[in-house]
N, C-alpha and C. Protein backbone atom coordinates (compact mmCIF):
# COMPACT_ATOMS: atom_id res chain seq x y z
N MET A 1 37.87 16.62 -24.03
CA MET A 1 37.22 17.55 -23.16
C MET A 1 37.47 18.96 -23.67
N GLU A 2 36.45 19.74 -23.62
CA GLU A 2 36.58 21.12 -24.09
C GLU A 2 37.08 22.02 -22.97
N THR A 3 37.68 23.12 -23.37
CA THR A 3 38.20 24.07 -22.37
C THR A 3 37.08 24.72 -21.59
N THR A 4 35.90 24.82 -22.16
CA THR A 4 34.78 25.42 -21.43
C THR A 4 34.37 24.53 -20.26
N ASP A 5 34.57 23.22 -20.36
CA ASP A 5 34.25 22.29 -19.27
C ASP A 5 35.28 22.39 -18.15
N LEU A 6 36.49 22.73 -18.48
CA LEU A 6 37.56 22.79 -17.49
C LEU A 6 37.54 24.06 -16.65
N VAL A 7 37.08 25.15 -17.20
CA VAL A 7 37.12 26.44 -16.49
C VAL A 7 36.35 26.38 -15.17
N PRO A 8 35.11 25.89 -15.14
CA PRO A 8 34.42 25.83 -13.83
C PRO A 8 35.12 24.89 -12.85
N MET A 9 35.69 23.83 -13.35
CA MET A 9 36.38 22.88 -12.48
C MET A 9 37.65 23.51 -11.89
N ILE A 10 38.36 24.29 -12.70
CA ILE A 10 39.57 24.97 -12.22
C ILE A 10 39.20 26.03 -11.19
N GLU A 11 38.10 26.74 -11.42
CA GLU A 11 37.64 27.74 -10.45
C GLU A 11 37.25 27.09 -9.13
N LEU A 12 36.59 25.95 -9.22
CA LEU A 12 36.22 25.20 -8.02
C LEU A 12 37.46 24.72 -7.27
N LEU A 13 38.44 24.23 -8.02
CA LEU A 13 39.70 23.80 -7.41
C LEU A 13 40.38 24.98 -6.71
N ASP A 14 40.39 26.13 -7.35
CA ASP A 14 41.00 27.32 -6.76
C ASP A 14 40.28 27.71 -5.46
N ASP A 15 38.95 27.66 -5.47
CA ASP A 15 38.18 27.97 -4.25
C ASP A 15 38.50 26.96 -3.14
N ASN A 16 38.59 25.69 -3.50
CA ASN A 16 38.90 24.66 -2.51
C ASN A 16 40.31 24.84 -1.94
N ILE A 17 41.25 25.23 -2.77
CA ILE A 17 42.61 25.47 -2.29
C ILE A 17 42.64 26.66 -1.34
N ASP A 18 41.87 27.70 -1.66
CA ASP A 18 41.79 28.87 -0.76
C ASP A 18 41.20 28.46 0.59
N ASP A 19 40.14 27.65 0.57
CA ASP A 19 39.53 27.17 1.82
C ASP A 19 40.52 26.33 2.62
N LEU A 20 41.27 25.50 1.92
CA LEU A 20 42.26 24.65 2.57
C LEU A 20 43.36 25.49 3.22
N GLU A 21 43.84 26.49 2.49
CA GLU A 21 44.88 27.37 3.05
C GLU A 21 44.38 28.07 4.30
N GLU A 22 43.13 28.51 4.27
CA GLU A 22 42.55 29.19 5.42
C GLU A 22 42.43 28.24 6.62
N ALA A 23 42.03 27.01 6.36
CA ALA A 23 41.89 26.03 7.44
C ALA A 23 43.24 25.62 8.01
N LEU A 24 44.26 25.57 7.17
CA LEU A 24 45.58 25.13 7.62
C LEU A 24 46.44 26.27 8.17
N GLU A 25 45.96 27.50 8.06
CA GLU A 25 46.76 28.65 8.48
C GLU A 25 47.24 28.55 9.93
N PRO A 26 46.41 28.14 10.90
CA PRO A 26 46.93 28.03 12.27
C PRO A 26 48.07 27.03 12.40
N LEU A 27 48.03 25.97 11.61
CA LEU A 27 49.10 24.98 11.67
C LEU A 27 50.36 25.46 10.96
N MET A 28 50.18 26.29 9.97
CA MET A 28 51.32 26.75 9.19
C MET A 28 52.08 27.90 9.87
N LYS A 29 51.45 28.57 10.82
CA LYS A 29 52.11 29.71 11.49
C LYS A 29 53.24 29.25 12.39
N ALA A 30 53.08 28.10 13.01
CA ALA A 30 54.09 27.61 13.95
C ALA A 30 54.54 26.22 13.51
N ALA A 31 55.58 25.74 14.13
CA ALA A 31 56.07 24.39 13.84
C ALA A 31 55.01 23.37 14.28
N LEU A 32 54.94 22.28 13.58
CA LEU A 32 53.95 21.25 13.89
C LEU A 32 54.13 20.72 15.31
N SER A 33 55.36 20.58 15.75
CA SER A 33 55.61 20.07 17.10
C SER A 33 55.09 21.04 18.16
N ASP A 34 55.12 22.35 17.88
CA ASP A 34 54.57 23.32 18.83
C ASP A 34 53.05 23.19 18.92
N SER A 35 52.41 23.03 17.78
CA SER A 35 50.95 22.87 17.76
C SER A 35 50.54 21.56 18.42
N ALA A 36 51.28 20.51 18.14
CA ALA A 36 50.94 19.20 18.68
C ALA A 36 51.27 19.09 20.16
N GLY A 37 52.24 19.86 20.62
CA GLY A 37 52.64 19.79 22.02
C GLY A 37 51.54 20.17 22.99
N LYS A 38 50.58 20.95 22.54
CA LYS A 38 49.49 21.41 23.40
C LYS A 38 48.33 20.41 23.45
N LEU A 39 48.39 19.39 22.61
CA LEU A 39 47.27 18.45 22.49
C LEU A 39 47.44 17.23 23.39
N PRO A 40 46.32 16.59 23.76
CA PRO A 40 46.40 15.30 24.46
C PRO A 40 47.04 14.25 23.54
N LEU A 41 47.49 13.18 24.12
CA LEU A 41 48.26 12.17 23.40
C LEU A 41 47.52 11.61 22.19
N LEU A 42 46.27 11.24 22.34
CA LEU A 42 45.53 10.65 21.24
C LEU A 42 45.31 11.66 20.12
N ASP A 43 45.01 12.91 20.48
CA ASP A 43 44.84 13.95 19.47
C ASP A 43 46.16 14.25 18.77
N LYS A 44 47.24 14.18 19.51
CA LYS A 44 48.57 14.40 18.92
C LYS A 44 48.86 13.32 17.88
N ALA A 45 48.54 12.08 18.21
CA ALA A 45 48.75 10.98 17.27
C ALA A 45 47.90 11.18 16.02
N GLN A 46 46.65 11.58 16.22
CA GLN A 46 45.78 11.83 15.07
C GLN A 46 46.35 12.93 14.18
N LEU A 47 46.84 14.00 14.79
CA LEU A 47 47.39 15.10 14.01
C LEU A 47 48.58 14.64 13.17
N TYR A 48 49.51 13.94 13.79
CA TYR A 48 50.68 13.47 13.05
C TYR A 48 50.29 12.51 11.93
N VAL A 49 49.36 11.62 12.18
CA VAL A 49 48.94 10.68 11.14
C VAL A 49 48.22 11.41 10.02
N LEU A 50 47.38 12.38 10.35
CA LEU A 50 46.69 13.14 9.31
C LEU A 50 47.66 13.94 8.44
N VAL A 51 48.65 14.56 9.07
CA VAL A 51 49.64 15.33 8.30
C VAL A 51 50.44 14.39 7.40
N THR A 52 50.83 13.26 7.94
CA THR A 52 51.58 12.29 7.14
C THR A 52 50.73 11.80 5.97
N TYR A 53 49.48 11.50 6.23
CA TYR A 53 48.59 11.04 5.16
C TYR A 53 48.43 12.11 4.09
N ALA A 54 48.27 13.36 4.51
CA ALA A 54 48.12 14.45 3.54
C ALA A 54 49.35 14.56 2.65
N ILE A 55 50.53 14.50 3.25
CA ILE A 55 51.77 14.60 2.46
C ILE A 55 51.90 13.43 1.49
N GLU A 56 51.64 12.23 2.01
CA GLU A 56 51.77 11.04 1.16
C GLU A 56 50.75 11.05 0.04
N SER A 57 49.54 11.49 0.31
CA SER A 57 48.52 11.51 -0.75
C SER A 57 48.84 12.59 -1.79
N ILE A 58 49.44 13.70 -1.37
CA ILE A 58 49.87 14.71 -2.34
C ILE A 58 50.96 14.14 -3.24
N LEU A 59 51.91 13.42 -2.65
CA LEU A 59 52.97 12.78 -3.46
C LEU A 59 52.38 11.75 -4.42
N PHE A 60 51.43 10.97 -3.92
CA PHE A 60 50.76 9.97 -4.76
C PHE A 60 50.07 10.65 -5.94
N SER A 61 49.35 11.73 -5.67
CA SER A 61 48.66 12.48 -6.74
C SER A 61 49.65 13.07 -7.73
N TYR A 62 50.74 13.59 -7.23
CA TYR A 62 51.78 14.17 -8.10
C TYR A 62 52.33 13.11 -9.05
N LEU A 63 52.60 11.92 -8.51
CA LEU A 63 53.12 10.84 -9.36
C LEU A 63 52.11 10.44 -10.42
N ARG A 64 50.86 10.33 -10.03
CA ARG A 64 49.82 9.95 -10.99
C ARG A 64 49.67 10.99 -12.09
N LEU A 65 49.75 12.28 -11.69
CA LEU A 65 49.62 13.35 -12.69
C LEU A 65 50.78 13.36 -13.68
N ASN A 66 51.93 12.87 -13.24
CA ASN A 66 53.10 12.83 -14.13
C ASN A 66 53.25 11.49 -14.85
N GLY A 67 52.21 10.67 -14.80
CA GLY A 67 52.21 9.44 -15.59
C GLY A 67 52.94 8.28 -14.96
N VAL A 68 53.37 8.38 -13.73
CA VAL A 68 54.06 7.28 -13.05
C VAL A 68 53.00 6.33 -12.48
N ASN A 69 53.27 5.03 -12.55
CA ASN A 69 52.36 4.06 -11.94
C ASN A 69 52.55 4.13 -10.42
N ALA A 70 51.74 4.94 -9.77
CA ALA A 70 51.92 5.23 -8.36
C ALA A 70 51.61 4.04 -7.47
N LYS A 71 50.81 3.10 -7.97
CA LYS A 71 50.48 1.93 -7.15
C LYS A 71 51.66 0.99 -6.98
N GLU A 72 52.65 1.11 -7.81
CA GLU A 72 53.85 0.29 -7.68
C GLU A 72 54.99 1.08 -7.05
N HIS A 73 54.75 2.32 -6.72
CA HIS A 73 55.76 3.19 -6.12
C HIS A 73 55.75 3.01 -4.59
N PRO A 74 56.88 3.21 -3.92
CA PRO A 74 56.92 3.08 -2.45
C PRO A 74 55.94 4.02 -1.72
N VAL A 75 55.52 5.08 -2.36
CA VAL A 75 54.56 6.00 -1.73
C VAL A 75 53.25 5.27 -1.45
N PHE A 76 52.86 4.37 -2.33
CA PHE A 76 51.62 3.63 -2.13
C PHE A 76 51.69 2.75 -0.88
N ARG A 77 52.85 2.11 -0.67
CA ARG A 77 53.03 1.30 0.55
C ARG A 77 52.93 2.18 1.79
N GLU A 78 53.50 3.38 1.70
CA GLU A 78 53.43 4.31 2.83
C GLU A 78 51.99 4.73 3.11
N LEU A 79 51.23 4.98 2.06
CA LEU A 79 49.81 5.33 2.25
C LEU A 79 49.06 4.19 2.95
N THR A 80 49.35 2.97 2.55
CA THR A 80 48.73 1.80 3.17
C THR A 80 49.13 1.71 4.65
N ARG A 81 50.38 1.96 4.93
CA ARG A 81 50.87 1.90 6.31
C ARG A 81 50.20 2.98 7.17
N VAL A 82 50.05 4.18 6.62
CA VAL A 82 49.41 5.27 7.36
C VAL A 82 47.94 4.95 7.62
N LYS A 83 47.27 4.32 6.65
CA LYS A 83 45.88 3.91 6.85
C LYS A 83 45.76 2.93 8.02
N GLN A 84 46.77 2.07 8.18
CA GLN A 84 46.77 1.14 9.31
C GLN A 84 46.87 1.89 10.63
N TYR A 85 47.60 3.00 10.64
CA TYR A 85 47.67 3.82 11.85
C TYR A 85 46.32 4.44 12.18
N PHE A 86 45.56 4.80 11.16
CA PHE A 86 44.20 5.30 11.39
C PHE A 86 43.37 4.25 12.14
N GLU A 87 43.49 3.00 11.71
CA GLU A 87 42.76 1.91 12.36
C GLU A 87 43.22 1.72 13.81
N LYS A 88 44.52 1.82 14.03
CA LYS A 88 45.05 1.67 15.39
C LYS A 88 44.52 2.78 16.30
N ILE A 89 44.42 3.98 15.77
CA ILE A 89 43.90 5.11 16.56
C ILE A 89 42.43 4.88 16.87
N LYS A 90 41.66 4.36 15.90
CA LYS A 90 40.25 4.05 16.15
C LYS A 90 40.11 3.05 17.28
N VAL A 91 40.95 2.02 17.26
CA VAL A 91 40.90 0.99 18.31
C VAL A 91 41.24 1.62 19.66
N ALA A 92 42.23 2.50 19.69
CA ALA A 92 42.62 3.15 20.94
C ALA A 92 41.50 4.05 21.45
N GLU A 93 40.80 4.71 20.56
CA GLU A 93 39.68 5.57 20.98
C GLU A 93 38.54 4.75 21.55
N SER A 94 38.22 3.65 20.91
CA SER A 94 37.10 2.83 21.37
C SER A 94 37.46 1.98 22.57
N ALA A 95 38.74 1.80 22.85
CA ALA A 95 39.14 0.98 24.01
C ALA A 95 38.75 1.65 25.31
N GLY A 96 38.65 2.96 25.32
CA GLY A 96 38.30 3.68 26.54
C GLY A 96 36.84 3.56 26.91
N THR A 97 35.99 3.16 25.99
CA THR A 97 34.57 3.06 26.26
C THR A 97 34.15 1.61 26.24
N ASN A 98 33.56 1.15 27.32
CA ASN A 98 33.05 -0.21 27.41
C ASN A 98 31.58 -0.12 27.78
N PRO A 99 30.66 -0.40 26.86
CA PRO A 99 29.25 -0.24 27.15
C PRO A 99 28.73 -1.22 28.19
N ASN A 100 29.45 -2.30 28.47
CA ASN A 100 29.00 -3.29 29.44
C ASN A 100 29.43 -2.97 30.86
N THR A 101 30.10 -1.85 31.06
CA THR A 101 30.57 -1.49 32.38
C THR A 101 29.38 -1.07 33.24
N LYS A 102 29.32 -1.62 34.46
CA LYS A 102 28.24 -1.27 35.38
C LYS A 102 28.85 -0.65 36.64
N LEU A 103 28.10 0.21 37.26
CA LEU A 103 28.54 0.90 38.46
C LEU A 103 28.31 0.01 39.67
N ASP A 104 29.35 -0.20 40.45
CA ASP A 104 29.24 -0.92 41.71
C ASP A 104 28.94 0.12 42.78
N LYS A 105 27.66 0.24 43.15
CA LYS A 105 27.23 1.30 44.06
C LYS A 105 27.86 1.15 45.44
N ALA A 106 28.00 -0.06 45.90
CA ALA A 106 28.59 -0.27 47.22
C ALA A 106 30.05 0.18 47.23
N ALA A 107 30.77 -0.18 46.19
CA ALA A 107 32.18 0.22 46.10
C ALA A 107 32.29 1.74 45.98
N ALA A 108 31.41 2.34 45.19
CA ALA A 108 31.44 3.80 45.04
C ALA A 108 31.15 4.47 46.38
N GLY A 109 30.22 3.92 47.13
CA GLY A 109 29.93 4.47 48.46
C GLY A 109 31.13 4.38 49.38
N ARG A 110 31.85 3.25 49.33
CA ARG A 110 33.05 3.11 50.16
C ARG A 110 34.12 4.11 49.75
N PHE A 111 34.30 4.29 48.44
CA PHE A 111 35.28 5.27 47.97
C PHE A 111 34.94 6.67 48.48
N ILE A 112 33.68 7.03 48.36
CA ILE A 112 33.26 8.37 48.79
C ILE A 112 33.42 8.50 50.30
N LYS A 113 33.01 7.47 51.04
CA LYS A 113 33.12 7.52 52.49
C LYS A 113 34.57 7.69 52.93
N HIS A 114 35.47 6.94 52.32
CA HIS A 114 36.88 7.04 52.68
C HIS A 114 37.50 8.34 52.18
N ALA A 115 37.02 8.84 51.06
CA ALA A 115 37.55 10.11 50.54
C ALA A 115 37.15 11.26 51.44
N LEU A 116 35.97 11.17 52.03
CA LEU A 116 35.49 12.23 52.90
C LEU A 116 35.90 12.02 54.36
N ALA A 117 36.57 10.93 54.64
CA ALA A 117 36.93 10.60 56.01
C ALA A 117 37.86 11.63 56.64
N GLY A 118 38.64 12.32 55.87
CA GLY A 118 39.55 13.33 56.40
C GLY A 118 38.85 14.63 56.73
N ASN A 119 37.62 14.79 56.33
CA ASN A 119 36.87 16.01 56.56
C ASN A 119 36.25 15.93 57.95
N GLU A 120 36.76 16.69 58.90
CA GLU A 120 36.33 16.59 60.30
C GLU A 120 34.87 16.95 60.48
N LYS A 121 34.39 17.95 59.76
CA LYS A 121 32.99 18.35 59.87
C LYS A 121 32.10 17.21 59.40
N TYR A 122 32.47 16.59 58.28
CA TYR A 122 31.69 15.46 57.77
C TYR A 122 31.74 14.30 58.76
N ASP A 123 32.92 14.00 59.30
CA ASP A 123 33.05 12.91 60.27
C ASP A 123 32.17 13.15 61.48
N LEU A 124 32.15 14.39 61.99
CA LEU A 124 31.33 14.73 63.15
C LEU A 124 29.84 14.57 62.82
N ASN A 125 29.42 15.10 61.69
CA ASN A 125 28.02 14.97 61.28
C ASN A 125 27.62 13.51 61.10
N ARG A 126 28.51 12.73 60.49
CA ARG A 126 28.22 11.32 60.28
C ARG A 126 28.13 10.58 61.61
N ALA A 127 29.02 10.88 62.55
CA ALA A 127 28.99 10.23 63.86
C ALA A 127 27.71 10.59 64.61
N GLU A 128 27.30 11.87 64.54
CA GLU A 128 26.05 12.29 65.19
C GLU A 128 24.86 11.57 64.57
N GLN A 129 24.83 11.48 63.26
CA GLN A 129 23.73 10.82 62.56
C GLN A 129 23.67 9.34 62.95
N GLU A 130 24.82 8.68 62.99
CA GLU A 130 24.86 7.27 63.38
C GLU A 130 24.40 7.09 64.82
N ALA A 131 24.82 8.01 65.71
CA ALA A 131 24.40 7.92 67.11
C ALA A 131 22.90 8.09 67.24
N LYS A 132 22.32 9.05 66.51
CA LYS A 132 20.86 9.25 66.54
C LYS A 132 20.14 8.01 66.03
N GLU A 133 20.64 7.45 64.94
CA GLU A 133 20.00 6.25 64.38
C GLU A 133 20.09 5.08 65.36
N ASN A 134 21.25 4.93 66.01
CA ASN A 134 21.41 3.84 66.99
C ASN A 134 20.50 4.05 68.19
N ALA A 135 20.41 5.31 68.67
CA ALA A 135 19.54 5.60 69.81
C ALA A 135 18.08 5.35 69.46
N ALA A 136 17.66 5.77 68.29
CA ALA A 136 16.28 5.55 67.86
C ALA A 136 16.00 4.06 67.73
N ALA A 137 16.94 3.30 67.20
CA ALA A 137 16.77 1.86 67.07
C ALA A 137 16.70 1.21 68.44
N HIS A 138 17.53 1.68 69.37
CA HIS A 138 17.52 1.13 70.74
C HIS A 138 16.19 1.41 71.43
N ILE A 139 15.67 2.62 71.26
CA ILE A 139 14.38 2.98 71.87
C ILE A 139 13.27 2.12 71.28
N ARG A 140 13.27 1.95 69.96
CA ARG A 140 12.24 1.10 69.32
C ARG A 140 12.36 -0.34 69.82
N PHE A 141 13.58 -0.81 70.00
CA PHE A 141 13.78 -2.17 70.49
C PHE A 141 13.22 -2.32 71.91
N GLN A 142 13.51 -1.33 72.77
CA GLN A 142 13.02 -1.39 74.14
C GLN A 142 11.50 -1.32 74.19
N GLN A 143 10.93 -0.45 73.36
CA GLN A 143 9.47 -0.35 73.32
C GLN A 143 8.86 -1.65 72.82
N ALA A 144 9.49 -2.24 71.84
CA ALA A 144 8.99 -3.51 71.31
C ALA A 144 9.13 -4.60 72.37
N SER A 145 10.21 -4.56 73.12
CA SER A 145 10.40 -5.56 74.17
C SER A 145 9.37 -5.40 75.27
N LYS A 146 9.12 -4.15 75.67
CA LYS A 146 8.11 -3.89 76.72
C LYS A 146 6.74 -4.32 76.25
N THR A 147 6.41 -3.99 75.01
CA THR A 147 5.10 -4.33 74.48
C THR A 147 4.95 -5.84 74.41
N SER A 148 5.94 -6.52 73.90
CA SER A 148 5.85 -7.97 73.81
C SER A 148 5.92 -8.59 75.20
N GLY A 149 6.65 -7.95 76.13
CA GLY A 149 6.71 -8.45 77.50
C GLY A 149 5.37 -8.30 78.19
N LEU A 150 4.69 -7.18 77.98
CA LEU A 150 3.36 -6.98 78.54
C LEU A 150 2.38 -7.97 77.95
N ASP A 151 2.49 -8.21 76.67
CA ASP A 151 1.61 -9.17 76.02
C ASP A 151 1.82 -10.56 76.62
N HIS A 152 3.11 -10.89 76.86
CA HIS A 152 3.39 -12.21 77.45
C HIS A 152 2.83 -12.27 78.87
N LYS A 153 3.00 -11.16 79.65
CA LYS A 153 2.48 -11.14 81.01
C LYS A 153 0.96 -11.17 80.99
N ALA A 154 0.37 -10.41 80.03
CA ALA A 154 -1.09 -10.40 79.93
C ALA A 154 -1.59 -11.76 79.53
N ASP A 155 -0.90 -12.39 78.59
CA ASP A 155 -1.29 -13.74 78.18
C ASP A 155 -1.12 -14.71 79.33
N ALA A 156 -0.02 -14.56 80.07
CA ALA A 156 0.23 -15.46 81.20
C ALA A 156 -0.82 -15.21 82.28
N GLY A 157 -1.17 -13.94 82.55
CA GLY A 157 -2.17 -13.60 83.56
C GLY A 157 -3.53 -14.08 83.15
N SER A 158 -3.91 -13.90 81.94
CA SER A 158 -5.23 -14.35 81.49
C SER A 158 -5.28 -15.86 81.45
N HIS A 159 -4.15 -16.46 81.15
CA HIS A 159 -4.07 -17.91 81.13
C HIS A 159 -4.19 -18.43 82.56
N ALA A 160 -3.56 -17.74 83.50
CA ALA A 160 -3.65 -18.14 84.90
C ALA A 160 -5.07 -17.93 85.40
N ASP A 161 -5.69 -16.83 84.98
CA ASP A 161 -7.07 -16.55 85.40
C ASP A 161 -8.01 -17.62 84.87
N SER A 162 -7.83 -18.02 83.65
CA SER A 162 -8.72 -19.02 83.07
C SER A 162 -8.49 -20.38 83.70
N SER A 163 -7.27 -20.66 84.11
CA SER A 163 -7.03 -21.95 84.74
C SER A 163 -7.59 -21.95 86.15
N SER A 164 -7.59 -20.79 86.82
CA SER A 164 -8.16 -20.73 88.16
C SER A 164 -9.68 -20.77 88.08
N ASP A 165 -10.25 -20.23 86.99
CA ASP A 165 -11.69 -20.29 86.79
C ASP A 165 -12.13 -21.73 86.57
N ASP A 166 -11.28 -22.49 85.88
CA ASP A 166 -11.61 -23.87 85.59
C ASP A 166 -11.60 -24.72 86.85
N SER A 167 -10.74 -24.35 87.78
CA SER A 167 -10.62 -25.17 88.98
C SER A 167 -11.79 -24.95 89.91
N GLU A 168 -12.49 -23.84 89.83
CA GLU A 168 -13.62 -23.60 90.72
C GLU A 168 -14.77 -24.32 90.25
């Protein structure tokens, strides 16, 4: 390889290192435990695994650059172990989502009803609404009874009239 081929690659590497330093600056200002302490549990696990993977991969690269067979070195086993943690985190992330979950509307209604049961204004409004609905249903029932009762009386009267007409 000629030196002219290496110069652009070294410049690109230098630019990438500068970008990496800029991205890692917030993590480098404070201790890792301080940065991770503010994160939710799953994000904290991801951060620790990513940092461990970065360190192990840098060691692996260092060994390879110095001519050591890194695949037979204990660092390679550690890299494999850290990759397994990535898989475990993926499983933990996907465990929270179940696409087959359906909403039980009746149960949700009961939860909401009982959650709002301590609200006196809501309880009063609900009781008034139920009373109005019951009263309206009672009135409709009475009207239906009267109407059907009149029909029965009318049918009975017309039936009596027709039977008296037949007897004459």
